[in-house]
């Protein structure tokens, strides 16, 4: 059966669209539905390609749904954190792990195993810092994962060499040590399509086989009804056709940055295999190191920088000259901006999460959520890209504001070319579509998720009716 969408706005003009066999079959003002068509009345709303989130973490997003929120605005202080942990603990069977997310030091300082023992001593507890890089474990949890701990700088130790319970970038190694039920990817899939998202790039580095099997299985059975690109996996064998391999994720640990020659060699090795790189850069130091390594190794089409959280003005032309793409998170300005104003060094504050000036320098830029570490709603990110206001209403980097239309164009860029030419609704294109309740100019005047009426992936309605 084909799908016929009448009275929709396409590229600013009234039109009707027929979808058949998973693609857009026809677009025209005078199209008429056929006898076998399922007709949808668009009521003048805009029909755009499905949005793409160019950087998130699917399994972590799914796991966050069953975790305790451990930071603002849900938790304000140590006593509030203790109560939140106790409430969740009371619902769990004896010996079960308790997982917390979103912690920030303003709640109870720098937590280690002793601090966590004081909050919850009687079951294994792990809490993730809101930045995603740091896990903090209590003594009960640390005892269980001790065989997985290595001698790297990722394991913080005290003067006697005993682990403090603070583990950096340890997700993959912890996953192997903690037996837990698979997270609910169907719930994540439902959220994604409710926002009009039909494609995502999972930016989790160093995925293991179990994780890839979970993700691809969810794509195959339809519980994750999106097209998927993986940055943390390199073997295309056995992947569904809706899953592709992206650039190779190179995760720079700011507490233990690699030497320049090590990073340049990693870039060169990927390029020799015909694979671009996606380099995680959240500090000025990591960005400068990355650009120098790309200069030394030689950039390749498709190379990208994840986050580009701190970009001094004089560096932006360097990024443009290397033809490197930037995948940014405008939503962080709202979600974390008030903390940035007090926590970020004064010489970095003017350069946080640039957007407009990168575009002005000729750098392709695409927005993303970094979920679960950022809000997954792309329409909220578009609004923040346009006003650059924190939760308390303070402007942060107002010269980096871009119109909602510009941010939407970034969400419409292909998974393999973030920040490239936006996809369009045209004959022959994949029928990954998002129907809005308003025409586009009115919708983008005040973007919000409630505008999404219907989401279609591969010609199948995944959200709305």
Protein backbone atom coordinates (compact mmCIF):
# COMPACT_ATOMS: atom_id res chain seq x y z
CA UNK A 1 0.00 0.00 0.00
CA UNK A 2 1.24 3.50 -0.80
CA UNK A 3 0.88 6.57 1.37
CA UNK A 4 -0.56 9.79 -0.01
CA UNK A 5 0.03 13.04 1.90
CA UNK A 6 -2.17 15.83 0.62
CA UNK A 7 -2.16 19.55 1.42
CA UNK A 8 1.40 19.66 2.72
CA UNK A 9 4.03 22.35 2.39
CA UNK A 10 7.17 21.22 0.55
CA UNK A 11 9.98 23.73 0.06
CA UNK A 12 7.60 26.55 0.89
CA UNK A 13 4.93 25.57 -1.65
CA UNK A 14 1.64 23.66 -1.41
CA UNK A 15 2.00 20.09 -2.65
CA UNK A 16 0.91 16.49 -2.37
CA UNK A 17 3.37 13.63 -1.92
CA UNK A 18 3.00 9.94 -2.74
CA UNK A 19 5.20 7.41 -0.90
CA UNK A 20 5.60 3.87 -2.25
CA UNK A 21 8.11 1.04 -1.78
CA UNK A 22 10.00 3.01 0.85
CA UNK A 23 10.75 6.04 -1.31
CA UNK A 24 9.12 9.30 -2.33
CA UNK A 25 7.39 8.31 -5.56
CA UNK A 26 6.00 11.70 -6.62
CA UNK A 27 5.72 15.31 -5.50
CA UNK A 28 3.31 17.74 -7.15
CA UNK A 29 0.59 20.26 -6.59
CA UNK A 30 -1.99 18.47 -8.71
CA UNK A 31 -1.39 14.87 -7.64
CA UNK A 32 -4.48 12.82 -6.89
CA UNK A 33 -4.64 9.80 -4.58
CA UNK A 34 -5.00 6.36 -6.09
CA UNK A 35 -7.60 3.80 -5.08
CA UNK A 36 -5.12 1.89 -2.92
CA UNK A 37 -3.51 4.91 -1.26
CA UNK A 38 -3.71 5.55 2.45
CA UNK A 39 -4.48 9.27 2.57
CA UNK A 40 -3.11 11.65 5.20
CA UNK A 41 -4.46 15.19 5.32
CA UNK A 42 -1.47 17.44 6.00
CA UNK A 43 -3.69 20.45 6.76
CA UNK A 44 -1.05 22.79 5.35
CA UNK A 45 1.74 21.58 7.61
CA UNK A 46 5.34 21.39 6.44
CA UNK A 47 6.65 18.03 5.22
CA UNK A 48 10.42 17.84 5.70
CA UNK A 49 12.93 14.99 5.65
CA UNK A 50 13.29 13.17 8.94
CA UNK A 51 15.79 14.80 11.27
CA UNK A 52 19.20 13.32 12.03
CA UNK A 53 20.86 13.48 15.45
CA UNK A 54 24.55 13.48 14.53
CA UNK A 55 25.95 12.53 17.95
CA UNK A 56 24.30 10.57 20.75
CA UNK A 57 24.75 7.38 22.79
CA UNK A 58 21.84 4.99 22.40
CA UNK A 59 22.61 2.39 25.06
CA UNK A 60 23.52 5.03 27.62
CA UNK A 61 20.29 6.90 26.80
CA UNK A 62 18.30 3.73 27.34
CA UNK A 63 20.11 2.97 30.60
CA UNK A 64 19.56 6.51 31.87
CA UNK A 65 15.81 5.92 31.89
CA UNK A 66 16.21 3.46 34.78
CA UNK A 67 18.84 5.49 36.62
CA UNK A 68 18.66 8.00 39.46
CA UNK A 69 19.10 11.65 38.50
CA UNK A 70 21.94 12.83 40.73
CA UNK A 71 22.42 16.45 39.73
CA UNK A 72 20.60 19.75 39.27
CA UNK A 73 17.78 20.49 38.87
CA UNK A 74 16.58 17.15 40.30
CA UNK A 75 19.07 17.08 43.20
CA UNK A 76 20.52 20.20 44.83
CA UNK A 77 22.64 18.97 47.76
CA UNK A 78 24.11 15.94 49.51
CA UNK A 79 21.00 15.28 51.58
CA UNK A 80 18.82 15.41 48.47
CA UNK A 81 21.17 12.95 46.79
CA UNK A 82 21.05 10.59 49.75
CA UNK A 83 17.24 10.62 49.71
CA UNK A 84 17.09 10.02 45.95
CA UNK A 85 19.44 7.06 46.21
CA UNK A 86 17.55 5.62 49.18
CA UNK A 87 14.22 5.83 47.32
CA UNK A 88 15.55 3.91 44.35
CA UNK A 89 17.43 1.45 46.53
CA UNK A 90 14.19 0.52 48.30
CA UNK A 91 12.71 -0.65 44.98
CA UNK A 92 15.61 -2.95 44.04
CA UNK A 93 16.29 -6.55 45.03
CA UNK A 94 19.11 -7.25 47.47
CA UNK A 95 22.53 -7.06 45.85
CA UNK A 96 21.31 -5.32 42.68
CA UNK A 97 23.37 -2.46 41.31
CA UNK A 98 22.08 1.10 41.58
CA UNK A 99 23.03 3.43 38.74
CA UNK A 100 23.06 7.22 39.01
CA UNK A 101 23.60 9.80 36.27
CA UNK A 102 24.02 13.53 35.81
CA UNK A 103 26.14 14.24 38.89
CA UNK A 104 27.78 17.63 39.33
CA UNK A 105 30.21 18.70 42.05
CA UNK A 106 27.92 21.48 43.26
CA UNK A 107 25.75 18.76 44.84
CA UNK A 108 28.29 17.16 47.21
CA UNK A 109 31.80 17.94 45.99
CA UNK A 110 34.22 15.47 44.39
CA UNK A 111 32.80 12.07 45.26
CA UNK A 112 34.93 8.96 45.74
CA UNK A 113 34.19 5.56 47.26
CA UNK A 114 34.26 6.89 50.83
CA UNK A 115 31.84 9.69 50.03
CA UNK A 116 29.53 7.26 48.26
CA UNK A 117 29.77 4.76 51.15
CA UNK A 118 28.40 7.49 53.40
CA UNK A 119 25.46 7.94 51.04
CA UNK A 120 24.67 4.29 50.26
CA UNK A 121 26.92 1.58 51.73
CA UNK A 122 24.73 -1.52 51.45
CA UNK A 123 24.56 -2.17 47.69
CA UNK A 124 26.83 -1.65 44.65
CA UNK A 125 26.51 1.97 43.53
CA UNK A 126 27.95 3.73 40.50
CA UNK A 127 27.26 7.34 39.62
CA UNK A 128 28.23 8.99 36.35
CA UNK A 129 29.34 12.59 36.15
CA UNK A 130 27.12 14.61 33.85
CA UNK A 131 29.99 15.03 31.38
CA UNK A 132 29.94 11.28 30.77
CA UNK A 133 33.68 10.72 31.25
CA UNK A 134 33.80 9.87 34.96
CA UNK A 135 32.24 7.00 36.92
CA UNK A 136 32.31 7.07 40.71
CA UNK A 137 31.89 3.75 42.56
CA UNK A 138 31.31 2.94 46.22
CA UNK A 139 33.31 0.23 47.99
CA UNK A 140 30.75 -2.50 47.33
CA UNK A 141 30.82 -1.78 43.59
CA UNK A 142 34.58 -1.39 43.51
CA UNK A 143 35.06 -4.81 45.08
CA UNK A 144 32.95 -6.42 42.36
CA UNK A 145 34.76 -4.81 39.42
CA UNK A 146 38.28 -4.95 40.84
CA UNK A 147 39.36 -7.71 38.38
CA UNK A 148 38.54 -5.34 35.52
CA UNK A 149 40.72 -2.49 36.82
CA UNK A 150 43.98 -1.90 34.99
CA UNK A 151 47.08 0.16 35.73
CA UNK A 152 46.18 3.04 33.40
CA UNK A 153 45.70 6.65 34.38
CA UNK A 154 41.97 6.02 33.93
CA UNK A 155 41.91 4.46 37.41
CA UNK A 156 42.44 7.11 40.07
CA UNK A 157 44.45 5.84 43.04
CA UNK A 158 45.39 7.32 46.41
CA UNK A 159 48.89 7.68 47.84
CA UNK A 160 49.00 4.00 48.77
CA UNK A 161 47.99 2.88 45.27
CA UNK A 162 44.45 1.92 46.31
CA UNK A 163 41.69 2.80 43.80
CA UNK A 164 39.57 5.72 44.99
CA UNK A 165 36.51 4.57 43.07
CA UNK A 166 36.89 7.26 40.40
CA UNK A 167 37.21 5.70 36.92
CA UNK A 168 37.69 7.71 33.74
CA UNK A 169 36.31 6.59 30.36
CA UNK A 170 35.69 3.12 31.74
CA UNK A 171 32.33 2.34 30.15
CA UNK A 172 33.43 -0.59 27.99
CA UNK A 173 35.57 -2.14 30.71
CA UNK A 174 32.81 -1.74 33.29
CA UNK A 175 30.24 -3.21 30.93
CA UNK A 176 32.16 -6.46 30.79
CA UNK A 177 32.33 -6.62 34.59
CA UNK A 178 28.69 -5.80 35.34
CA UNK A 179 25.99 -8.26 34.33
CA UNK A 180 22.80 -6.32 33.80
CA UNK A 181 19.58 -6.65 31.83
CA UNK A 182 19.64 -5.16 28.32
CA UNK A 183 18.38 -1.56 28.31
CA UNK A 184 15.03 -0.72 26.70
CA UNK A 185 15.96 0.52 23.24
CA UNK A 186 12.30 0.47 22.17
CA UNK A 187 11.57 3.32 24.58
CA UNK A 188 14.46 5.31 23.08
CA UNK A 189 13.21 4.57 19.57
CA UNK A 190 9.74 5.81 20.49
CA UNK A 191 11.19 9.06 21.84
CA UNK A 192 13.32 9.61 18.76
CA UNK A 193 10.47 9.29 16.28
CA UNK A 194 8.22 11.44 18.47
CA UNK A 195 10.68 14.25 17.74
CA UNK A 196 10.72 13.54 13.99
CA UNK A 197 14.15 11.88 14.13
CA UNK A 198 14.70 9.14 11.55
CA UNK A 199 18.49 8.77 11.65
CA UNK A 200 21.16 8.87 14.35
CA UNK A 201 24.91 8.58 14.73
CA UNK A 202 25.90 6.59 17.79
CA UNK A 203 29.16 8.19 18.92
CA UNK A 204 30.03 5.66 21.62
CA UNK A 205 33.69 4.67 21.18
CA UNK A 206 34.96 1.09 21.18
CA UNK A 207 31.63 -0.71 21.06
CA UNK A 208 31.86 -4.40 21.90
CA UNK A 209 30.11 -7.20 20.03
CA UNK A 210 27.30 -7.46 22.58
CA UNK A 211 26.50 -3.77 22.24
CA UNK A 212 26.51 -3.91 18.44
CA UNK A 213 24.25 -6.96 18.55
CA UNK A 214 21.81 -5.11 20.82
CA UNK A 215 21.73 -2.07 18.55
CA UNK A 216 21.46 -3.93 15.26
CA UNK A 217 18.90 -6.34 16.72
CA UNK A 218 16.74 -3.38 17.75
CA UNK A 219 17.01 -1.93 14.23
CA UNK A 220 16.07 -5.27 12.66
CA UNK A 221 13.04 -5.90 14.88
CA UNK A 222 11.79 -2.33 14.49
CA UNK A 223 12.09 -1.33 18.13
CA UNK A 224 14.73 1.20 17.03
CA UNK A 225 13.02 2.52 13.87
CA UNK A 226 15.82 4.77 12.62
CA UNK A 227 18.78 4.61 10.29
CA UNK A 228 21.93 4.15 12.32
CA UNK A 229 25.57 5.11 11.87
CA UNK A 230 28.22 3.77 14.26
CA UNK A 231 31.44 5.60 15.12
CA UNK A 232 32.69 2.93 17.54
CA UNK A 233 32.63 -0.12 15.27
CA UNK A 234 34.70 -0.99 12.19
CA UNK A 235 33.38 -4.30 10.83
CA UNK A 236 30.49 -3.91 8.34
CA UNK A 237 29.98 -7.68 8.04
CA UNK A 238 26.53 -8.77 9.10
CA UNK A 239 25.12 -5.29 9.63
CA UNK A 240 21.59 -4.53 8.41
CA UNK A 241 21.34 -2.26 5.39
CA UNK A 242 19.98 0.52 7.60
CA UNK A 243 23.17 0.45 9.71
CA UNK A 244 26.40 1.89 8.39
CA UNK A 245 29.94 2.37 9.61
CA UNK A 246 30.97 5.99 10.09
CA UNK A 247 34.30 7.68 10.80
CA UNK A 248 36.55 6.12 13.40
CA UNK A 249 35.97 7.67 16.82
CA UNK A 250 39.18 8.83 18.50
CA UNK A 251 38.45 9.65 22.12
CA UNK A 252 40.89 12.14 23.65
CA UNK A 253 41.00 11.86 27.44
CA UNK A 254 41.77 15.32 28.76
CA UNK A 255 43.25 13.86 31.94
CA UNK A 256 45.66 11.77 29.83
CA UNK A 257 46.11 13.30 26.37
CA UNK A 258 48.16 11.31 23.85
CA UNK A 259 51.44 12.54 22.43
CA UNK A 260 51.20 14.35 19.10
CA UNK A 261 52.94 11.53 17.23
CA UNK A 262 50.57 8.95 18.74
CA UNK A 263 47.50 10.86 17.61
CA UNK A 264 48.94 11.61 14.18
CA UNK A 265 49.77 7.91 13.73
CA UNK A 266 46.19 6.95 14.68
CA UNK A 267 44.81 9.42 12.13
CA UNK A 268 47.19 8.16 9.45
CA UNK A 269 46.29 4.54 10.15
CA UNK A 270 42.58 5.26 9.71
CA UNK A 271 43.11 7.28 6.56
CA UNK A 272 45.21 4.50 5.00
CA UNK A 273 42.18 2.24 5.39
CA UNK A 274 40.02 4.84 3.67
CA UNK A 275 38.29 5.77 6.94
CA UNK A 276 37.93 9.36 8.17
CA UNK A 277 38.21 10.16 11.87
CA UNK A 278 35.85 11.72 14.41
CA UNK A 279 37.90 13.22 17.22
CA UNK A 280 36.41 14.03 20.64
CA UNK A 281 37.52 17.54 21.64
CA UNK A 282 36.07 19.27 24.70
CA UNK A 283 39.03 21.44 25.69
CA UNK A 284 41.24 24.02 24.02
CA UNK A 285 44.24 21.71 24.46
CA UNK A 286 42.59 18.69 22.84
CA UNK A 287 41.38 20.77 19.89
CA UNK A 288 44.82 22.27 19.21
CA UNK A 289 46.41 18.83 19.51
CA UNK A 290 43.86 17.40 17.07
CA UNK A 291 44.30 20.12 14.47
CA UNK A 292 48.08 19.77 14.65
CA UNK A 293 47.78 15.99 14.24
CA UNK A 294 45.44 16.40 11.25
CA UNK A 295 47.86 18.91 9.74
CA UNK A 296 50.73 16.47 10.22
CA UNK A 297 48.87 13.37 8.99
CA UNK A 298 46.94 15.16 6.29
CA UNK A 299 43.16 15.58 6.53
CA UNK A 300 40.73 13.35 4.64
CA UNK A 301 37.17 13.97 3.43
CA UNK A 302 34.75 13.18 6.23
CA UNK A 303 37.06 14.03 9.13
CA UNK A 304 35.06 15.62 11.93
CA UNK A 305 35.47 17.11 15.38
CA UNK A 306 32.98 16.06 18.03
CA UNK A 307 31.85 18.84 20.39
CA UNK A 308 34.47 21.53 19.65
CA UNK A 309 33.49 22.86 23.05
CA UNK A 310 36.20 25.57 23.18
CA UNK A 311 37.26 27.16 19.89
CA UNK A 312 39.29 30.39 20.02
CA UNK A 313 38.53 32.78 17.16
CA UNK A 314 41.97 32.45 15.61
CA UNK A 315 41.54 28.67 15.30
CA UNK A 316 38.35 28.74 13.21
CA UNK A 317 40.09 29.54 9.94
CA UNK A 318 42.49 26.65 10.66
CA UNK A 319 39.55 24.25 10.96
CA UNK A 320 38.11 25.61 7.71
CA UNK A 321 41.44 25.23 5.90
CA UNK A 322 41.62 21.57 6.93
CA UNK A 323 38.02 21.11 5.69
CA UNK A 324 37.04 19.44 8.94
CA UNK A 325 33.39 19.26 9.98
CA UNK A 326 32.18 20.14 13.48
CA UNK A 327 29.35 18.36 15.29
CA UNK A 328 28.23 20.63 18.11
CA UNK A 329 25.61 20.63 20.90
CA UNK A 330 23.80 23.97 21.08
CA UNK A 331 21.48 22.60 23.77
CA UNK A 332 24.32 22.60 26.29
CA UNK A 333 24.05 26.39 26.47
CA UNK A 334 20.64 26.03 28.09
CA UNK A 335 21.24 22.79 30.01
CA UNK A 336 24.64 23.70 31.47
CA UNK A 337 25.14 27.37 30.70
CA UNK A 338 24.55 28.65 34.25
CA UNK A 339 27.23 26.26 35.53
CA UNK A 340 29.58 27.23 32.69
CA UNK A 341 29.35 30.85 33.83
CA UNK A 342 30.85 29.91 37.20
CA UNK A 343 32.94 26.81 36.38
CA UNK A 344 34.64 27.57 33.06
CA UNK A 345 37.89 29.51 32.99
CA UNK A 346 37.42 33.13 31.99
CA UNK A 347 39.68 32.84 28.94
CA UNK A 348 37.61 29.92 27.59
CA UNK A 349 34.13 31.27 28.37
CA UNK A 350 33.80 33.49 25.26
CA UNK A 351 34.59 30.53 23.00
CA UNK A 352 32.10 27.90 24.21
CA UNK A 353 30.21 25.85 21.63
CA UNK A 354 30.53 28.26 18.70
CA UNK A 355 28.08 27.98 15.82
CA UNK A 356 27.60 31.19 13.84
CA UNK A 357 31.29 32.12 13.69
CA UNK A 358 32.27 28.62 12.58
CA UNK A 359 29.76 28.84 9.75
CA UNK A 360 31.06 32.31 8.97
CA UNK A 361 34.58 30.89 8.68
CA UNK A 362 33.37 28.28 6.20
CA UNK A 363 33.25 25.30 8.59
CA UNK A 364 30.39 22.83 8.03
CA UNK A 365 28.51 22.54 11.34
CA UNK A 366 25.78 20.15 12.41
CA UNK A 367 23.84 20.15 15.70
CA UNK A 368 23.31 17.11 17.89
CA UNK A 369 22.17 16.17 21.39
CA UNK A 370 24.95 14.05 22.93
CA UNK A 371 22.06 12.27 24.72
CA UNK A 372 21.88 11.22 27.48
CA UNK A 373 24.41 13.90 28.49
CA UNK A 374 22.30 16.51 26.75
CA UNK A 375 18.57 16.93 26.08
CA UNK A 376 17.54 14.67 23.19
CA UNK A 377 14.83 17.04 21.87
CA UNK A 378 16.16 18.65 18.64
CA UNK A 379 13.47 21.33 18.64
CA UNK A 380 14.64 22.58 22.03
CA UNK A 381 18.18 22.68 20.64
CA UNK A 382 16.98 24.75 17.67
CA UNK A 383 15.37 27.23 20.05
CA UNK A 384 18.58 27.48 22.10
CA UNK A 385 20.70 27.87 18.97
CA UNK A 386 18.53 30.88 18.20
CA UNK A 387 18.60 32.61 21.58
CA UNK A 388 21.70 31.21 23.40
CA UNK A 389 19.96 31.63 26.77
CA UNK A 390 20.73 29.58 29.87
CA UNK A 391 17.95 28.16 32.05
CA UNK A 392 18.11 31.32 34.17
CA UNK A 393 17.83 33.52 31.09
CA UNK A 394 21.44 34.69 30.85
CA UNK A 395 22.85 35.15 27.36
CA UNK A 396 25.97 33.09 26.64
CA UNK A 397 27.90 33.74 23.44
CA UNK A 398 25.16 35.80 21.82
CA UNK A 399 27.31 36.36 18.73
CA UNK A 400 27.01 32.61 18.09
CA UNK A 401 23.24 32.71 17.61
CA UNK A 402 21.91 31.17 14.39
CA UNK A 403 18.33 31.18 13.07
CA UNK A 404 16.26 28.07 13.77
CA UNK A 405 16.22 27.49 9.99
CA UNK A 406 20.01 27.11 10.07
CA UNK A 407 19.93 24.62 12.92
CA UNK A 408 17.14 22.66 11.19
CA UNK A 409 19.25 22.52 8.03
CA UNK A 410 21.99 20.91 10.11
CA UNK A 411 19.55 18.30 11.41
CA UNK A 412 18.53 17.61 7.81
CA UNK A 413 22.09 17.01 6.62
CA UNK A 414 23.00 13.38 5.78
CA UNK A 415 24.49 11.12 8.43
CA UNK A 416 27.70 10.75 6.43
CA UNK A 417 28.10 14.49 5.76
CA UNK A 418 26.98 16.40 8.86
CA UNK A 419 26.66 20.07 8.06
CA UNK A 420 26.42 19.28 4.35
CA UNK A 421 23.62 20.10 1.93
CA UNK A 422 20.25 19.45 3.60
CA UNK A 423 18.20 16.54 2.29
CA UNK A 424 14.96 17.42 0.52
CA UNK A 425 11.59 15.85 -0.19
CA UNK A 426 11.96 14.83 -3.83
CA UNK A 427 11.08 11.88 -6.05
CA UNK A 428 13.44 8.97 -5.51
CA UNK A 429 14.53 10.07 -2.03
CA UNK A 430 14.17 7.70 0.87
CA UNK A 431 10.76 8.13 2.49
CA UNK A 432 12.14 9.24 5.85
CA UNK A 433 9.82 12.13 6.57
CA UNK A 434 8.55 14.42 9.31
CA UNK A 435 5.14 16.09 9.04
CA UNK A 436 4.64 19.22 11.11
CA UNK A 437 1.37 20.76 12.24
CA UNK A 438 2.35 24.20 10.92
CA UNK A 439 3.94 25.65 7.82
CA UNK A 440 7.68 25.98 8.25
CA UNK A 441 8.06 29.74 8.84
CA UNK A 442 5.49 29.68 11.62
CA UNK A 443 6.87 26.47 13.11
CA UNK A 444 10.41 27.81 13.29
CA UNK A 445 9.30 31.08 14.86
CA UNK A 446 8.85 29.11 18.10
CA UNK A 447 10.26 25.60 17.59
CA UNK A 448 9.00 22.92 19.97
CA UNK A 449 8.48 19.17 19.84
CA UNK A 450 4.70 19.47 19.85
CA UNK A 451 4.90 20.55 16.20
CA UNK A 452 5.65 16.97 15.08
CA UNK A 453 2.44 15.32 13.80
CA UNK A 454 3.86 12.27 12.06
CA UNK A 455 7.18 10.55 11.49
CA UNK A 456 7.74 8.13 8.61
CA UNK A 457 10.80 5.90 8.18
CA UNK A 458 11.22 3.84 5.03
CA UNK A 459 7.65 4.64 4.05
CA UNK A 460 6.22 3.28 7.30
CA UNK A 461 4.44 5.53 9.80
CA UNK A 462 6.39 5.23 13.06
CA UNK A 463 4.72 8.03 15.00
CA UNK A 464 1.36 9.76 14.71
CA UNK A 465 -1.62 8.82 12.62
